[in-house]
Amino acid sequence: MVGADPDSGGSDCPALYRTNLHSYLVVGTRVTDAELLAQITLGITEDEVVVEVPQAVLDLLTTGRPRPLILSQAGSGRKAV
């Protein structure tokens, strides 16, 4: 885990995780507001979901914290780099 929202009250959601594939997993609240989703012009496919995370979670990427634990995505169909 890279970290969780400091205002989450200990629930660890929203949170950011780093993988062994040089990517990140975002845990957040699923966006269901149709009006808000309609503003996303790139299109959302059936295998995608939009989640909302506060800026504080994204700021964890630039805080200079120690390297986070890396989650292994074995069997994901993607190759680790």
N, C-alpha and C. Protein backbone atom coordinates (compact mmCIF):
# COMPACT_ATOMS: atom_id res chain seq x y z
N MET A 1 0.84 -1.17 0.00
CA MET A 1 0.00 0.00 0.00
C MET A 1 0.89 1.23 0.00
N VAL A 2 0.59 2.14 -0.91
CA VAL A 2 1.28 3.42 -0.91
C VAL A 2 0.75 4.24 0.25
N GLY A 3 -0.55 4.20 0.43
CA GLY A 3 -1.16 4.91 1.54
C GLY A 3 -2.65 5.06 1.36
N ALA A 4 -3.29 5.54 2.41
CA ALA A 4 -4.73 5.75 2.39
C ALA A 4 -5.03 7.20 2.73
N ASP A 5 -6.25 7.59 2.47
CA ASP A 5 -6.69 8.94 2.78
C ASP A 5 -6.51 9.20 4.27
N PRO A 6 -5.74 10.22 4.64
CA PRO A 6 -5.54 10.50 6.06
C PRO A 6 -6.84 10.85 6.79
N ASP A 7 -7.86 11.22 6.05
CA ASP A 7 -9.15 11.54 6.66
C ASP A 7 -10.13 10.38 6.61
N SER A 8 -9.64 9.16 6.34
CA SER A 8 -10.53 8.01 6.18
C SER A 8 -11.02 7.44 7.50
N GLY A 9 -10.47 7.91 8.59
CA GLY A 9 -10.90 7.40 9.89
C GLY A 9 -10.45 5.98 10.14
N GLY A 10 -9.36 5.56 9.51
CA GLY A 10 -8.82 4.22 9.73
C GLY A 10 -9.42 3.15 8.84
N SER A 11 -10.28 3.52 7.89
CA SER A 11 -10.92 2.51 7.04
C SER A 11 -10.05 2.07 5.86
N ASP A 12 -8.94 2.75 5.61
CA ASP A 12 -8.05 2.47 4.48
C ASP A 12 -8.76 2.56 3.13
N CYS A 13 -9.75 3.38 3.03
CA CYS A 13 -10.42 3.64 1.77
C CYS A 13 -10.79 5.11 1.74
N PRO A 14 -10.44 5.79 0.72
CA PRO A 14 -9.71 5.42 -0.48
C PRO A 14 -8.23 5.14 -0.19
N ALA A 15 -7.63 4.37 -1.09
CA ALA A 15 -6.23 3.99 -0.92
C ALA A 15 -5.58 3.79 -2.28
N LEU A 16 -4.25 3.76 -2.25
CA LEU A 16 -3.46 3.60 -3.45
C LEU A 16 -2.45 2.48 -3.21
N TYR A 17 -2.37 1.53 -4.14
CA TYR A 17 -1.45 0.40 -4.05
C TYR A 17 -0.56 0.38 -5.28
N ARG A 18 0.69 -0.04 -5.11
CA ARG A 18 1.64 -0.17 -6.22
C ARG A 18 1.76 -1.65 -6.56
N THR A 19 1.83 -1.98 -7.86
CA THR A 19 1.94 -3.38 -8.28
C THR A 19 3.33 -3.69 -8.82
N ASN A 20 3.58 -4.97 -9.04
CA ASN A 20 4.84 -5.39 -9.63
C ASN A 20 4.89 -5.13 -11.13
N LEU A 21 3.84 -4.59 -11.70
CA LEU A 21 3.78 -4.31 -13.13
C LEU A 21 3.98 -2.83 -13.42
N HIS A 22 4.56 -2.11 -12.46
CA HIS A 22 4.80 -0.67 -12.60
C HIS A 22 3.50 0.08 -12.85
N SER A 23 2.48 -0.30 -12.11
CA SER A 23 1.18 0.36 -12.19
C SER A 23 0.63 0.53 -10.79
N TYR A 24 -0.51 1.18 -10.69
CA TYR A 24 -1.14 1.44 -9.40
C TYR A 24 -2.58 0.96 -9.41
N LEU A 25 -3.03 0.49 -8.27
CA LEU A 25 -4.43 0.12 -8.06
C LEU A 25 -5.04 1.19 -7.17
N VAL A 26 -6.19 1.67 -7.54
CA VAL A 26 -6.87 2.71 -6.77
C VAL A 26 -8.13 2.11 -6.17
N VAL A 27 -8.26 2.26 -4.86
CA VAL A 27 -9.48 1.85 -4.17
C VAL A 27 -10.20 3.12 -3.78
N GLY A 28 -11.42 3.24 -4.24
CA GLY A 28 -12.18 4.45 -3.94
C GLY A 28 -13.66 4.15 -3.97
N THR A 29 -14.43 5.18 -3.83
CA THR A 29 -15.87 5.06 -3.87
C THR A 29 -16.34 5.03 -5.32
N ARG A 30 -17.12 4.02 -5.69
CA ARG A 30 -17.63 3.90 -7.06
C ARG A 30 -18.53 5.10 -7.36
N VAL A 31 -18.29 5.73 -8.51
CA VAL A 31 -19.11 6.86 -8.93
C VAL A 31 -20.35 6.31 -9.64
N THR A 32 -21.52 6.68 -9.16
CA THR A 32 -22.77 6.23 -9.77
C THR A 32 -23.61 7.38 -10.30
N ASP A 33 -23.19 8.59 -10.05
CA ASP A 33 -23.92 9.78 -10.49
C ASP A 33 -23.89 9.86 -12.02
N ALA A 34 -25.03 9.62 -12.66
CA ALA A 34 -25.10 9.58 -14.12
C ALA A 34 -24.67 10.90 -14.75
N GLU A 35 -25.00 12.01 -14.13
CA GLU A 35 -24.63 13.32 -14.65
C GLU A 35 -23.11 13.49 -14.65
N LEU A 36 -22.49 13.08 -13.57
CA LEU A 36 -21.03 13.17 -13.47
C LEU A 36 -20.36 12.22 -14.47
N LEU A 37 -20.87 10.99 -14.57
CA LEU A 37 -20.29 10.03 -15.51
C LEU A 37 -20.44 10.49 -16.95
N ALA A 38 -21.51 11.20 -17.26
CA ALA A 38 -21.72 11.70 -18.62
C ALA A 38 -20.66 12.73 -19.01
N GLN A 39 -20.02 13.34 -18.05
CA GLN A 39 -18.99 14.35 -18.33
C GLN A 39 -17.65 13.72 -18.71
N ILE A 40 -17.53 12.41 -18.49
CA ILE A 40 -16.29 11.71 -18.86
C ILE A 40 -16.41 11.36 -20.33
N THR A 41 -15.71 12.10 -21.16
CA THR A 41 -15.90 12.01 -22.61
C THR A 41 -15.10 10.90 -23.28
N LEU A 42 -14.20 10.26 -22.56
CA LEU A 42 -13.39 9.21 -23.19
C LEU A 42 -14.16 7.91 -23.33
N GLY A 43 -15.27 7.78 -22.68
CA GLY A 43 -16.05 6.56 -22.76
C GLY A 43 -15.59 5.55 -21.73
N ILE A 44 -16.52 4.85 -21.16
CA ILE A 44 -16.22 3.86 -20.14
C ILE A 44 -16.71 2.52 -20.68
N THR A 45 -15.80 1.56 -20.82
CA THR A 45 -16.18 0.26 -21.34
C THR A 45 -16.74 -0.62 -20.22
N GLU A 46 -17.30 -1.76 -20.60
CA GLU A 46 -17.93 -2.65 -19.62
C GLU A 46 -16.97 -3.17 -18.56
N ASP A 47 -15.69 -3.24 -18.89
CA ASP A 47 -14.73 -3.78 -17.92
C ASP A 47 -14.06 -2.68 -17.09
N GLU A 48 -14.56 -1.46 -17.17
CA GLU A 48 -14.00 -0.34 -16.42
C GLU A 48 -15.01 0.19 -15.41
N VAL A 49 -14.47 0.80 -14.37
CA VAL A 49 -15.30 1.45 -13.37
C VAL A 49 -14.63 2.76 -12.97
N VAL A 50 -15.41 3.76 -12.72
CA VAL A 50 -14.90 5.06 -12.29
C VAL A 50 -14.98 5.12 -10.78
N VAL A 51 -13.86 5.48 -10.15
CA VAL A 51 -13.85 5.65 -8.70
C VAL A 51 -13.38 7.05 -8.38
N GLU A 52 -13.78 7.54 -7.23
CA GLU A 52 -13.38 8.88 -6.81
C GLU A 52 -12.44 8.75 -5.62
N VAL A 53 -11.33 9.48 -5.69
CA VAL A 53 -10.39 9.53 -4.58
C VAL A 53 -10.03 10.99 -4.31
N PRO A 54 -9.79 11.34 -3.06
CA PRO A 54 -9.43 12.72 -2.76
C PRO A 54 -7.99 13.03 -3.20
N GLN A 55 -7.72 14.29 -3.40
CA GLN A 55 -6.39 14.74 -3.80
C GLN A 55 -5.32 14.24 -2.84
N ALA A 56 -5.63 14.15 -1.56
CA ALA A 56 -4.65 13.71 -0.56
C ALA A 56 -4.09 12.32 -0.87
N VAL A 57 -4.90 11.45 -1.46
CA VAL A 57 -4.42 10.11 -1.81
C VAL A 57 -3.45 10.20 -2.98
N LEU A 58 -3.77 10.98 -3.98
CA LEU A 58 -2.87 11.14 -5.12
C LEU A 58 -1.58 11.84 -4.73
N ASP A 59 -1.65 12.73 -3.76
CA ASP A 59 -0.46 13.43 -3.28
C ASP A 59 0.56 12.47 -2.67
N LEU A 60 0.11 11.28 -2.26
CA LEU A 60 1.03 10.30 -1.69
C LEU A 60 2.10 9.88 -2.69
N LEU A 61 1.83 10.03 -3.98
CA LEU A 61 2.81 9.67 -5.01
C LEU A 61 4.01 10.60 -5.02
N THR A 62 3.87 11.80 -4.48
CA THR A 62 4.95 12.78 -4.56
C THR A 62 5.48 13.21 -3.20
N THR A 63 5.15 12.51 -2.14
CA THR A 63 5.56 12.94 -0.82
C THR A 63 6.95 12.47 -0.43
N GLY A 64 7.58 11.64 -1.28
CA GLY A 64 8.91 11.16 -0.95
C GLY A 64 8.90 10.07 0.11
N ARG A 65 7.78 9.42 0.29
CA ARG A 65 7.69 8.33 1.26
C ARG A 65 8.54 7.16 0.80
N PRO A 66 8.89 6.23 1.69
CA PRO A 66 9.66 5.04 1.29
C PRO A 66 8.88 4.24 0.24
N ARG A 67 9.60 3.46 -0.55
CA ARG A 67 8.94 2.64 -1.56
C ARG A 67 7.90 1.74 -0.91
N PRO A 68 6.70 1.73 -1.44
CA PRO A 68 5.63 0.94 -0.84
C PRO A 68 5.75 -0.53 -1.17
N LEU A 69 5.05 -1.34 -0.41
CA LEU A 69 4.93 -2.76 -0.68
C LEU A 69 4.32 -2.92 -2.07
N ILE A 70 4.85 -3.85 -2.84
CA ILE A 70 4.36 -4.06 -4.20
C ILE A 70 3.45 -5.29 -4.21
N LEU A 71 2.24 -5.11 -4.72
CA LEU A 71 1.31 -6.23 -4.86
C LEU A 71 1.66 -7.01 -6.11
N SER A 72 1.65 -8.32 -6.02
CA SER A 72 1.94 -9.18 -7.16
C SER A 72 0.66 -9.45 -7.94
N GLN A 73 0.71 -9.30 -9.24
CA GLN A 73 -0.44 -9.56 -10.08
C GLN A 73 -0.20 -10.78 -10.94
N ALA A 74 0.25 -11.88 -10.36
CA ALA A 74 0.47 -13.11 -11.10
C ALA A 74 -0.84 -13.59 -11.70
N GLY A 75 -0.79 -14.06 -12.91
CA GLY A 75 -1.98 -14.59 -13.56
C GLY A 75 -2.91 -13.53 -14.09
N SER A 76 -2.44 -12.29 -14.15
CA SER A 76 -3.30 -11.21 -14.63
C SER A 76 -3.34 -11.14 -16.14
N GLY A 77 -2.48 -11.93 -16.79
CA GLY A 77 -2.41 -11.85 -18.25
C GLY A 77 -1.47 -10.75 -18.72
N ARG A 78 -0.90 -10.01 -17.78
CA ARG A 78 0.05 -8.95 -18.08
C ARG A 78 1.41 -9.37 -17.54
N LYS A 79 2.46 -8.95 -18.20
CA LYS A 79 3.81 -9.32 -17.78
C LYS A 79 4.43 -8.22 -16.92
N ALA A 80 5.10 -8.64 -15.87
CA ALA A 80 5.84 -7.68 -15.05
C ALA A 80 7.02 -7.16 -15.85
N VAL A 81 7.35 -5.90 -15.65
CA VAL A 81 8.47 -5.27 -16.37
C VAL A 81 9.68 -5.29 -15.49
